[in-house]
Amino acid sequence: MNYSKPPESISSQIAKLKTRGLTFGDESFAERCFSSISYYRFRAYTYPFQDNSDCNHFFKSPISFEEIYELYLFDRKLRSLVFGALEQIEIAIRTQIIHQWSLSNGSHWQLNGSLFRYPAGHSSLMDSLRAEIDRSTETFIDHYKTKYTSPAAPPSWMSLEVSSFSLLSRIFQNLKKGPEKIAVTAYFGLNKVEILENWMLCFSQVRNICAHHGRLWNRRLTSHVLFPSHPKHQFIRNRQLLPYKLYAVLSCMQYVLRRIDVEDEFRNELKRLVSACPLRQEKEMGFPKDWRSDPFWN
């Protein structure tokens, strides 16, 4: 089937939404919004409120453009909060990985294939790391390339500093289980390296969504969170959760942040923000009704 839908003007887009049952308090305001927020992006926020089994996509109950727009703004604030918290987590995990393996295995341990589970996987990871190093414009990378000829790759504390979180996650997953991996895992209050491997994968996915201005509200994540059976520190009581919803990841983030952030601002900011979630839509992110009463969040 060939795609044949023609482009539409902003006024036509608004008219279409009106015929489907969306109300507008101020159409000129909506026009200004659609001039800076694409209709397709906004459609992701209207979709759950529509009957999508029908080609007309009528809204299932009365709702206004302004209400949907408030939900869009909420998601933007949530994305900013989560992205800032993930920055702290990423830096801490990166630091611990570099520190533990460097002390035991030297400056260029990342090049030592014997430290990794799968030789082919290690080769692919190093190709990806080399590409990220080559793309880097960091002064310390340029300095190393100018001053040193061997090894060609910068030491781990330079190389991994410019790697993406996604690549760092894959490197950590492929590293053999040994004292270094156990030490990194223990630093973040966990007993099983498999849990930290899983959390890093989930964190990197959410981080990429935030970095590309994607939607967190009502998002079904491709990575499913694994919950620790015997965490060293207090964790959420209710674990009968959807492991592919945001709340599961936020709980893991908070657990890690308590190990590295003495101010613990993320918890307070999250509670304030979710309390103001429009249209009582926190359930669409996997938040259980009683989550605020859990001692973990207090």
Foldseek 3Di string as FASTA:
>chain_A
DDDDDDDDQQVVLVVLLVVLAAAEPDVVVSNVVCVPQPPVQLVVLQQVQFDVVDPSRHGPDYYYPVLSVLLLVLQLVVLVLLLVLLVLVLVLLLVLLCVLCCVVPNFACLVDQVQFQDNVLSVVLVVLLVVQLVPDPDPVSVVCCVPDVPPNDGTSVVSSVRDQLQSVLSSLVGGDDDPSLCVSQVLQQARDSVQVSLLSNVSSQSNVCSVVVHGQFLDFAPRFHDDGPDTRDDAFPDPPWGRRAQVVSVRSSLSSCVSPPVVSVSLVVVVVSLVPNGPNRVVSRTDDPCRCVTPSSD
